Amino acid sequence: MATQTRQVSSTMSREARVDLAAVIDSLRSLFHTLRISGREAEQRLGISGAQLFILQALGETPELSINELAELTFTHQSSVSMVVARLVSSKLVTRRSGLKDGRRVAVSLTAAGRAMLKKSPDAGQAKMVRALMAIPRAELAALAGNLSAVTAIIENQAVGMSRSRALG
């Protein structure tokens, strides 16, 4: 794989190599920021960065459903549900039937959750969402398309490798 990367790299124009390096450096910086933020939440609060992100979303609205939390945090509903389950077991949030609709599950902060929020750092995910919201719509759409293309290529490569290993 390293040889393949070296061959591709050597055939790229200087400008393309500079652009590729800038993209890779930016992605590394984003991952680093999220990793540091998550580590800080774990060290200072004893919870994950994802848990802090959900707590902060709940701090802005007294009661939200799992679906509303997912929408507010730009996260899949099943992931939010798992994070909320951990927060419930830590007694930082409660989950109960909604007041207006008994089928709706309402999630809200406990006193311990509110106290934790007062001493919490800003979640890395929240910083990322705010930064992305500051990008003009056309540029955000282009970024979304480009990142989706990169993800699809990586996933296709992973499937291809798995098939090669199964056949070999």
C-alpha atoms as a PDB file:
ATOM      1  CA  MET A   1       0.000   0.000   0.000  1.00  0.00           C
ATOM      2  CA  ALA A   2       2.855   2.409   0.787  1.00  0.00           C
ATOM      3  CA  THR A   3       4.338   1.755  -2.658  1.00  0.00           C
ATOM      4  CA  GLN A   4       0.978   2.500  -4.267  1.00  0.00           C
ATOM      5  CA  THR A   5       0.723   5.759  -2.294  1.00  0.00           C
ATOM      6  CA  ARG A   6       4.278   6.727  -3.313  1.00  0.00           C
ATOM      7  CA  GLN A   7       3.482   6.065  -6.996  1.00  0.00           C
ATOM      8  CA  VAL A   8       0.311   8.164  -6.908  1.00  0.00           C
ATOM      9  CA  SER A   9       2.092  10.936  -5.016  1.00  0.00           C
ATOM     10  CA  SER A  10       4.929  11.078  -7.553  1.00  0.00           C
ATOM     11  CA  THR A  11       2.503  11.461 -10.483  1.00  0.00           C
ATOM     12  CA  MET A  12       0.631  14.406  -8.916  1.00  0.00           C
ATOM     13  CA  SER A  13       1.381  17.986  -9.877  1.00  0.00           C
ATOM     14  CA  ARG A  14       3.071  20.152  -7.265  1.00  0.00           C
ATOM     15  CA  GLU A  15      -0.155  22.177  -6.855  1.00  0.00           C
ATOM     16  CA  ALA A  16      -2.213  19.023  -6.315  1.00  0.00           C
ATOM     17  CA  ARG A  17       0.307  17.776  -3.720  1.00  0.00           C
ATOM     18  CA  VAL A  18       0.084  21.116  -1.876  1.00  0.00           C
ATOM     19  CA  ASP A  19      -3.739  20.934  -1.918  1.00  0.00           C
ATOM     20  CA  LEU A  20      -3.712  17.319  -0.736  1.00  0.00           C
ATOM     21  CA  ALA A  21      -1.310  18.152   2.084  1.00  0.00           C
ATOM     22  CA  ALA A  22      -3.506  21.081   3.152  1.00  0.00           C
ATOM     23  CA  VAL A  23      -6.602  18.861   3.249  1.00  0.00           C
ATOM     24  CA  ILE A  24      -4.831  16.129   5.208  1.00  0.00           C
ATOM     25  CA  ASP A  25      -3.389  18.672   7.673  1.00  0.00           C
ATOM     26  CA  SER A  26      -6.833  20.220   8.183  1.00  0.00           C
ATOM     27  CA  LEU A  27      -8.436  16.821   8.799  1.00  0.00           C
ATOM     28  CA  ARG A  28      -5.679  15.895  11.250  1.00  0.00           C
ATOM     29  CA  SER A  29      -6.234  19.180  13.066  1.00  0.00           C
ATOM     30  CA  LEU A  30      -9.982  18.524  13.301  1.00  0.00           C
ATOM     31  CA  PHE A  31      -9.434  14.989  14.619  1.00  0.00           C
ATOM     32  CA  HIS A  32      -6.858  16.305  17.092  1.00  0.00           C
ATOM     33  CA  THR A  33      -9.265  18.979  18.350  1.00  0.00           C
ATOM     34  CA  LEU A  34     -12.026  16.400  18.848  1.00  0.00           C
ATOM     35  CA  ARG A  35      -9.633  13.978  20.564  1.00  0.00           C
ATOM     36  CA  ILE A  36      -8.287  16.675  22.923  1.00  0.00           C
ATOM     37  CA  SER A  37     -11.787  17.920  23.697  1.00  0.00           C
ATOM     38  CA  GLY A  38     -12.953  14.384  24.446  1.00  0.00           C
ATOM     39  CA  ARG A  39      -9.939  13.736  26.643  1.00  0.00           C
ATOM     40  CA  GLU A  40     -10.562  16.986  28.535  1.00  0.00           C
ATOM     41  CA  ALA A  41     -14.207  16.018  29.157  1.00  0.00           C
ATOM     42  CA  GLU A  42     -13.111  12.605  30.425  1.00  0.00           C
ATOM     43  CA  GLN A  43     -10.414  14.023  32.707  1.00  0.00           C
ATOM     44  CA  ARG A  44     -12.392  16.959  34.105  1.00  0.00           C
ATOM     45  CA  LEU A  45     -15.876  15.447  34.181  1.00  0.00           C
ATOM     46  CA  GLY A  46     -15.561  11.684  33.836  1.00  0.00           C
ATOM     47  CA  ILE A  47     -17.743  11.577  30.713  1.00  0.00           C
ATOM     48  CA  SER A  48     -17.046  11.245  26.997  1.00  0.00           C
ATOM     49  CA  GLY A  49     -17.043  14.104  24.520  1.00  0.00           C
ATOM     50  CA  ALA A  50     -20.232  12.695  22.976  1.00  0.00           C
ATOM     51  CA  GLN A  51     -21.916  12.662  26.380  1.00  0.00           C
ATOM     52  CA  LEU A  52     -20.856  16.267  26.992  1.00  0.00           C
ATOM     53  CA  PHE A  53     -22.237  17.297  23.588  1.00  0.00           C
ATOM     54  CA  ILE A  54     -25.629  15.768  24.457  1.00  0.00           C
ATOM     55  CA  LEU A  55     -25.607  17.357  27.936  1.00  0.00           C
ATOM     56  CA  GLN A  56     -24.893  20.765  26.399  1.00  0.00           C
ATOM     57  CA  ALA A  57     -27.745  20.337  23.915  1.00  0.00           C
ATOM     58  CA  LEU A  58     -30.062  19.482  26.800  1.00  0.00           C
ATOM     59  CA  GLY A  59     -28.802  22.511  28.700  1.00  0.00           C
ATOM     60  CA  GLU A  60     -30.244  24.744  25.982  1.00  0.00           C
ATOM     61  CA  THR A  61     -33.725  23.189  26.081  1.00  0.00           C
ATOM     62  CA  PRO A  62     -35.339  21.804  29.232  1.00  0.00           C
ATOM     63  CA  GLU A  63     -36.748  18.670  27.606  1.00  0.00           C
ATOM     64  CA  LEU A  64     -36.060  16.977  24.282  1.00  0.00           C
ATOM     65  CA  SER A  65     -36.974  13.706  22.621  1.00  0.00           C
ATOM     66  CA  ILE A  66     -34.259  11.380  21.321  1.00  0.00           C
ATOM     67  CA  ASN A  67     -35.149  12.422  17.767  1.00  0.00           C
ATOM     68  CA  GLU A  68     -34.948  16.121  18.660  1.00  0.00           C
ATOM     69  CA  LEU A  69     -31.561  15.552  20.303  1.00  0.00           C
ATOM     70  CA  ALA A  70     -30.376  13.689  17.206  1.00  0.00           C
ATOM     71  CA  GLU A  71     -31.493  16.551  14.978  1.00  0.00           C
ATOM     72  CA  LEU A  72     -29.985  19.215  17.237  1.00  0.00           C
ATOM     73  CA  THR A  73     -26.620  17.410  17.435  1.00  0.00           C
ATOM     74  CA  PHE A  74     -26.549  16.223  13.794  1.00  0.00           C
ATOM     75  CA  THR A  75     -26.180  12.661  15.060  1.00  0.00           C
ATOM     76  CA  HIS A  76     -27.964   9.422  14.169  1.00  0.00           C
ATOM     77  CA  GLN A  77     -30.878   8.607  16.474  1.00  0.00           C
ATOM     78  CA  SER A  78     -29.450   5.223  17.496  1.00  0.00           C
ATOM     79  CA  SER A  79     -26.144   6.830  18.545  1.00  0.00           C
ATOM     80  CA  VAL A  80     -27.964   9.473  20.602  1.00  0.00           C
ATOM     81  CA  SER A  81     -30.050   6.758  22.227  1.00  0.00           C
ATOM     82  CA  MET A  82     -26.909   4.878  23.319  1.00  0.00           C
ATOM     83  CA  VAL A  83     -25.284   8.047  24.700  1.00  0.00           C
ATOM     84  CA  VAL A  84     -28.476   8.971  26.561  1.00  0.00           C
ATOM     85  CA  ALA A  85     -28.611   5.472  28.072  1.00  0.00           C
ATOM     86  CA  ARG A  86     -25.116   6.010  29.512  1.00  0.00           C
ATOM     87  CA  LEU A  87     -26.108   9.439  30.822  1.00  0.00           C
ATOM     88  CA  VAL A  88     -29.221   7.944  32.452  1.00  0.00           C
ATOM     89  CA  SER A  89     -27.116   5.244  34.146  1.00  0.00           C
ATOM     90  CA  SER A  90     -24.773   8.003  35.379  1.00  0.00           C
ATOM     91  CA  LYS A  91     -27.819   9.869  36.731  1.00  0.00           C
ATOM     92  CA  LEU A  92     -27.003  12.983  34.675  1.00  0.00           C
ATOM     93  CA  VAL A  93     -30.259  12.859  32.685  1.00  0.00           C
ATOM     94  CA  THR A  94     -33.691  11.335  33.110  1.00  0.00           C
ATOM     95  CA  ARG A  95     -35.851   9.668  30.519  1.00  0.00           C
ATOM     96  CA  ARG A  96     -39.633   9.534  30.896  1.00  0.00           C
ATOM     97  CA  SER A  97     -42.833   9.631  28.878  1.00  0.00           C
ATOM     98  CA  GLY A  98     -43.600  13.051  27.453  1.00  0.00           C
ATOM     99  CA  LEU A  99     -46.144  15.270  29.151  1.00  0.00           C
ATOM    100  CA  LYS A 100     -48.149  16.003  25.992  1.00  0.00           C
ATOM    101  CA  ASP A 101     -47.639  12.680  24.207  1.00  0.00           C
ATOM    102  CA  GLY A 102     -47.174   9.497  26.231  1.00  0.00           C
ATOM    103  CA  ARG A 103     -45.491   7.763  23.252  1.00  0.00           C
ATOM    104  CA  ARG A 104     -42.731  10.374  23.178  1.00  0.00           C
ATOM    105  CA  VAL A 105     -39.721   9.767  25.400  1.00  0.00           C
ATOM    106  CA  ALA A 106     -38.580  13.017  26.999  1.00  0.00           C
ATOM    107  CA  VAL A 107     -34.969  13.453  28.084  1.00  0.00           C
ATOM    108  CA  SER A 108     -33.980  16.157  30.561  1.00  0.00           C
ATOM    109  CA  LEU A 109     -31.065  17.087  32.784  1.00  0.00           C
ATOM    110  CA  THR A 110     -30.970  16.094  36.430  1.00  0.00           C
ATOM    111  CA  ALA A 111     -29.608  18.425  39.100  1.00  0.00           C
ATOM    112  CA  ALA A 112     -26.293  16.555  38.798  1.00  0.00           C
ATOM    113  CA  GLY A 113     -26.325  17.073  35.017  1.00  0.00           C
ATOM    114  CA  ARG A 114     -26.969  20.810  35.410  1.00  0.00           C
ATOM    115  CA  ALA A 115     -24.168  21.066  37.991  1.00  0.00           C
ATOM    116  CA  MET A 116     -21.782  19.258  35.647  1.00  0.00           C
ATOM    117  CA  LEU A 117     -22.640  21.627  32.805  1.00  0.00           C
ATOM    118  CA  LYS A 118     -21.664  24.631  34.915  1.00  0.00           C
ATOM    119  CA  LYS A 119     -18.081  23.377  35.144  1.00  0.00           C
ATOM    120  CA  SER A 120     -17.838  21.828  31.678  1.00  0.00           C
ATOM    121  CA  PRO A 121     -15.607  22.903  28.794  1.00  0.00           C
ATOM    122  CA  ASP A 122     -17.151  23.498  25.371  1.00  0.00           C
ATOM    123  CA  ALA A 123     -17.635  20.204  23.515  1.00  0.00           C
ATOM    124  CA  GLY A 124     -15.424  19.810  20.454  1.00  0.00           C
ATOM    125  CA  GLN A 125     -18.445  18.742  18.419  1.00  0.00           C
ATOM    126  CA  ALA A 126     -20.211  22.004  19.312  1.00  0.00           C
ATOM    127  CA  LYS A 127     -17.182  23.982  18.133  1.00  0.00           C
ATOM    128  CA  MET A 128     -17.170  22.039  14.871  1.00  0.00           C
ATOM    129  CA  VAL A 129     -20.903  22.590  14.285  1.00  0.00           C
ATOM    130  CA  ARG A 130     -20.546  26.343  14.894  1.00  0.00           C
ATOM    131  CA  ALA A 131     -17.581  26.521  12.502  1.00  0.00           C
ATOM    132  CA  LEU A 132     -19.437  24.616   9.780  1.00  0.00           C
ATOM    133  CA  MET A 133     -22.497  26.827  10.227  1.00  0.00           C
ATOM    134  CA  ALA A 134     -20.282  29.860   9.528  1.00  0.00           C
ATOM    135  CA  ILE A 135     -19.356  28.533   6.072  1.00  0.00           C
ATOM    136  CA  PRO A 136     -21.466  29.882   3.175  1.00  0.00           C
ATOM    137  CA  ARG A 137     -24.160  27.426   2.046  1.00  0.00           C
ATOM    138  CA  ALA A 138     -22.618  26.705  -1.387  1.00  0.00           C
ATOM    139  CA  GLU A 139     -19.222  25.958   0.163  1.00  0.00           C
ATOM    140  CA  LEU A 140     -20.826  23.773   2.831  1.00  0.00           C
ATOM    141  CA  ALA A 141     -22.670  21.799   0.138  1.00  0.00           C
ATOM    142  CA  ALA A 142     -19.427  21.337  -1.812  1.00  0.00           C
ATOM    143  CA  LEU A 143     -17.618  20.219   1.352  1.00  0.00           C
ATOM    144  CA  ALA A 144     -20.402  17.742   2.130  1.00  0.00           C
ATOM    145  CA  GLY A 145     -20.226  16.295  -1.368  1.00  0.00           C
ATOM    146  CA  ASN A 146     -16.449  16.051  -1.345  1.00  0.00           C
ATOM    147  CA  LEU A 147     -16.303  14.402   2.088  1.00  0.00           C
ATOM    148  CA  SER A 148     -19.040  11.970   1.043  1.00  0.00           C
ATOM    149  CA  ALA A 149     -16.996  11.064  -2.037  1.00  0.00           C
ATOM    150  CA  VAL A 150     -13.876  10.464   0.083  1.00  0.00           C
ATOM    151  CA  THR A 151     -15.887   8.318   2.505  1.00  0.00           C
ATOM    152  CA  ALA A 152     -17.368   6.255  -0.342  1.00  0.00           C
ATOM    153  CA  ILE A 153     -13.914   5.655  -1.855  1.00  0.00           C
ATOM    154  CA  ILE A 154     -12.498   4.558   1.500  1.00  0.00           C
ATOM    155  CA  GLU A 155     -15.470   2.259   2.136  1.00  0.00           C
ATOM    156  CA  ASN A 156     -15.148   0.735  -1.351  1.00  0.00           C
ATOM    157  CA  GLN A 157     -11.434   0.130  -0.764  1.00  0.00           C
ATOM    158  CA  ALA A 158     -12.215  -1.579   2.552  1.00  0.00           C
ATOM    159  CA  VAL A 159     -14.783  -3.837   0.870  1.00  0.00           C
ATOM    160  CA  GLY A 160     -12.298  -4.648  -1.891  1.00  0.00           C
ATOM    161  CA  MET A 161      -9.606  -5.567   0.668  1.00  0.00           C
ATOM    162  CA  SER A 162     -12.031  -7.761   2.599  1.00  0.00           C
ATOM    163  CA  ARG A 163     -12.996  -9.607  -0.600  1.00  0.00           C
ATOM    164  CA  SER A 164      -9.329 -10.043  -1.586  1.00  0.00           C
ATOM    165  CA  ARG A 165      -8.522 -11.536   1.819  1.00  0.00           C
ATOM    166  CA  ALA A 166     -11.537 -13.852   1.635  1.00  0.00           C
ATOM    167  CA  LEU A 167     -10.501 -15.079  -1.819  1.00  0.00           C
ATOM    168  CA  GLY A 168      -6.771 -15.245  -1.099  1.00  0.00           C
END
